Amino acid sequence: MRKIRRPVLVILTAAITAGVTLNLPAAEAEAPAAQPVTVIELYYPYEPAYTSEMDVSWHEWQPIGKAAGVIPVALLDLAEEYNISPVYAAAVFVLETGWGSSSAWLNNHNPAGIRCGDRYCKYDTAADGLQRMFEVMQDYYSNGLTTVDQQRSLWSESDDTDTIVQLMIQLGGGE
């Protein structure tokens, strides 16, 4: 569940208590009417809610901290090109490659456990491997798998949706 930030709580509290009648003398009770609070003011659309139900389509994001040194620049470019959330793709990359340290990534440029028949695929370059990862994600998206949970349920043999969401929160600078 997403935490409500303090300014939002202040606005909500003010809006709720504005309608409460206080036993004040008439002169004090004639304060200006509280301004209505619209739903739009309560949300921060520029801050995605990283949940299992988040739509995996592209949104603005730049890696910070540890992620800035691990996430390939090509991943950010491909995310925009394929209209896939870069933080979702980065979380998949981090989980599948162990922060870029797996032998599948280092030796075979396979960023996401992509299989070719009964074995893992090998790509000539890291860019080729990342591009294939985005092709798979975009294919899922085009076929109606638009949320983190839907994509992970088909992508992974284990139920790792919560792990992906936690990585998205961590990578996205959340708590």
Protein backbone atom coordinates (compact mmCIF):
# COMPACT_ATOMS: atom_id res chain seq x y z
CA MET A 1 0.00 0.00 0.00
CA ARG A 2 1.34 3.43 -0.90
CA LYS A 3 2.13 5.81 1.94
CA ILE A 4 0.44 9.19 1.92
CA ARG A 5 2.90 12.03 2.22
CA ARG A 6 2.67 14.56 5.05
CA PRO A 7 1.45 17.52 2.88
CA VAL A 8 -1.38 15.34 1.60
CA LEU A 9 -2.33 14.37 5.16
CA VAL A 10 -2.41 18.05 6.15
CA ILE A 11 -4.70 18.84 3.20
CA LEU A 12 -6.95 15.89 3.98
CA THR A 13 -7.14 16.78 7.67
CA ALA A 14 -7.94 20.42 6.84
CA ALA A 15 -10.62 19.37 4.36
CA ILE A 16 -12.22 16.94 6.80
CA THR A 17 -12.16 19.27 9.80
CA ALA A 18 -13.35 22.30 7.80
CA GLY A 19 -16.89 21.00 7.98
CA VAL A 20 -16.80 20.43 11.75
CA THR A 21 -18.77 23.03 13.68
CA LEU A 22 -16.90 24.43 16.66
CA ASN A 23 -18.61 26.08 19.62
CA LEU A 24 -17.05 29.48 19.02
CA PRO A 25 -18.59 32.93 19.47
CA ALA A 26 -20.37 34.13 16.33
CA ALA A 27 -17.60 36.54 15.32
CA GLU A 28 -14.95 33.82 15.45
CA ALA A 29 -17.17 31.22 13.77
CA GLU A 30 -17.56 33.36 10.63
CA ALA A 31 -14.23 32.32 9.17
CA PRO A 32 -13.97 32.05 5.39
CA ALA A 33 -15.32 28.81 4.01
CA ALA A 34 -12.74 26.13 3.39
CA GLN A 35 -11.75 25.71 -0.23
CA PRO A 36 -12.70 22.33 -1.67
CA VAL A 37 -9.85 19.92 -2.25
CA THR A 38 -9.93 18.17 -5.59
CA VAL A 39 -8.76 14.61 -6.06
CA ILE A 40 -6.13 15.83 -8.55
CA GLU A 41 -4.32 17.69 -5.77
CA LEU A 42 -3.96 14.52 -3.71
CA TYR A 43 -1.90 12.57 -6.23
CA TYR A 44 1.58 12.97 -7.59
CA PRO A 45 1.27 11.67 -11.16
CA TYR A 46 4.98 12.20 -11.78
CA GLU A 47 5.77 9.63 -9.06
CA PRO A 48 4.68 6.16 -10.20
CA ALA A 49 3.18 3.83 -7.64
CA TYR A 50 5.42 0.77 -7.75
CA THR A 51 2.99 -2.08 -7.16
CA SER A 52 2.29 -5.43 -8.77
CA GLU A 53 -0.63 -3.77 -10.59
CA MET A 54 1.54 -0.99 -12.05
CA ASP A 55 1.24 -0.68 -15.80
CA VAL A 56 4.68 -1.47 -17.23
CA SER A 57 4.53 1.17 -19.96
CA TRP A 58 7.30 3.78 -20.18
CA HIS A 59 7.64 6.64 -17.71
CA GLU A 60 10.46 9.01 -16.80
CA TRP A 61 13.14 7.54 -14.50
CA GLN A 62 16.88 7.84 -13.96
CA PRO A 63 18.88 5.35 -11.88
CA ILE A 64 20.51 6.68 -8.73
CA GLY A 65 22.86 5.24 -6.13
CA LYS A 66 24.10 1.71 -6.72
CA ALA A 67 21.82 1.34 -9.74
CA ALA A 68 23.53 4.22 -11.55
CA GLY A 69 26.75 2.19 -11.66
CA VAL A 70 25.10 -1.07 -12.73
CA ILE A 71 22.18 -0.29 -15.06
CA PRO A 72 23.40 -0.15 -18.68
CA VAL A 73 22.74 3.15 -20.47
CA ALA A 74 21.33 1.12 -23.38
CA LEU A 75 18.58 -0.11 -21.04
CA LEU A 76 17.25 3.42 -20.62
CA ASP A 77 17.31 4.08 -24.37
CA LEU A 78 15.61 0.78 -25.15
CA ALA A 79 12.95 1.39 -22.49
CA GLU A 80 11.84 4.52 -24.30
CA GLU A 81 12.13 2.92 -27.73
CA TYR A 82 10.00 -0.09 -26.71
CA ASN A 83 7.66 1.92 -24.45
CA ILE A 84 8.50 -0.21 -21.39
CA SER A 85 9.02 1.21 -17.91
CA PRO A 86 12.79 1.61 -17.39
CA VAL A 87 12.50 0.95 -13.65
CA TYR A 88 10.58 -2.26 -14.33
CA ALA A 89 13.15 -3.38 -16.91
CA ALA A 90 15.98 -2.43 -14.55
CA ALA A 91 14.39 -4.46 -11.73
CA VAL A 92 14.12 -7.48 -14.03
CA PHE A 93 17.75 -6.99 -15.09
CA VAL A 94 18.92 -6.66 -11.46
CA LEU A 95 17.01 -9.74 -10.28
CA GLU A 96 17.93 -11.93 -13.22
CA THR A 97 21.62 -10.94 -13.35
CA GLY A 98 22.35 -10.44 -9.64
CA TRP A 99 23.11 -6.75 -10.15
CA GLY A 100 24.98 -7.52 -13.37
CA SER A 101 27.26 -10.17 -11.88
CA SER A 102 25.78 -13.44 -13.21
CA SER A 103 27.78 -15.59 -15.62
CA ALA A 104 24.78 -15.62 -17.98
CA TRP A 105 25.12 -11.85 -18.31
CA LEU A 106 28.91 -11.58 -18.21
CA ASN A 107 29.62 -14.51 -20.58
CA ASN A 108 26.49 -14.76 -22.72
CA HIS A 109 24.98 -11.24 -22.56
CA ASN A 110 21.70 -12.78 -21.42
CA PRO A 111 20.10 -10.16 -19.14
CA ALA A 112 16.95 -11.97 -18.13
CA GLY A 113 17.22 -15.74 -18.24
CA ILE A 114 15.89 -15.82 -21.79
CA ARG A 115 15.71 -19.37 -23.08
CA CYS A 116 16.39 -20.76 -26.54
CA GLY A 117 14.74 -24.16 -26.41
CA ASP A 118 16.10 -26.15 -23.49
CA ARG A 119 19.07 -23.86 -22.79
CA TYR A 120 19.71 -20.20 -22.11
CA CYS A 121 20.24 -17.95 -25.12
CA LYS A 122 23.63 -16.46 -25.90
CA TYR A 123 23.89 -13.02 -27.52
CA ASP A 124 26.87 -11.52 -29.33
CA THR A 125 26.74 -8.24 -27.43
CA ALA A 126 25.17 -6.82 -24.29
CA ALA A 127 23.07 -4.49 -26.47
CA ASP A 128 21.74 -7.51 -28.39
CA GLY A 129 20.76 -9.25 -25.16
CA LEU A 130 19.05 -6.15 -23.77
CA GLN A 131 17.20 -5.60 -27.03
CA ARG A 132 15.88 -9.17 -26.92
CA MET A 133 14.72 -8.64 -23.32
CA PHE A 134 12.74 -5.58 -24.44
CA GLU A 135 11.31 -7.43 -27.43
CA VAL A 136 9.95 -10.09 -25.09
CA MET A 137 8.52 -7.47 -22.70
CA GLN A 138 6.92 -5.55 -25.56
CA ASP A 139 5.47 -8.77 -27.00
CA TYR A 140 3.88 -9.55 -23.62
CA TYR A 141 2.54 -6.00 -23.39
CA SER A 142 1.08 -6.12 -26.90
CA ASN A 143 -0.70 -9.35 -25.97
CA GLY A 144 -2.46 -7.83 -22.97
CA LEU A 145 0.05 -8.52 -20.21
CA THR A 146 0.27 -4.90 -19.11
CA THR A 147 1.02 -5.09 -15.38
CA VAL A 148 4.08 -6.18 -13.44
CA ASP A 149 2.16 -9.13 -12.00
CA GLN A 150 0.87 -10.30 -15.38
CA GLN A 151 4.29 -10.15 -17.03
CA ARG A 152 6.12 -11.83 -14.16
CA SER A 153 3.55 -14.63 -13.97
CA LEU A 154 4.44 -15.60 -17.53
CA TRP A 155 8.13 -14.66 -17.46
CA SER A 156 9.32 -16.43 -14.34
CA GLU A 157 8.98 -20.00 -13.12
CA SER A 158 8.79 -18.74 -9.53
CA ASP A 159 6.47 -16.15 -8.03
CA ASP A 160 8.92 -13.28 -7.87
CA THR A 161 6.50 -10.40 -8.46
CA ASP A 162 6.96 -9.06 -4.91
CA THR A 163 10.73 -9.16 -5.33
CA ILE A 164 10.47 -7.21 -8.59
CA VAL A 165 8.19 -4.63 -6.95
CA GLN A 166 10.61 -4.26 -4.01
CA LEU A 167 13.49 -3.75 -6.44
CA MET A 168 11.44 -1.17 -8.34
CA ILE A 169 10.83 0.72 -5.10
CA GLN A 170 14.52 0.54 -4.23
CA LEU A 171 15.67 1.55 -7.70
CA GLY A 172 13.05 4.26 -7.99
CA GLY A 173 14.29 5.95 -4.85
CA GLY A 174 11.27 4.94 -2.74
CA GLU A 175 11.41 3.70 0.78
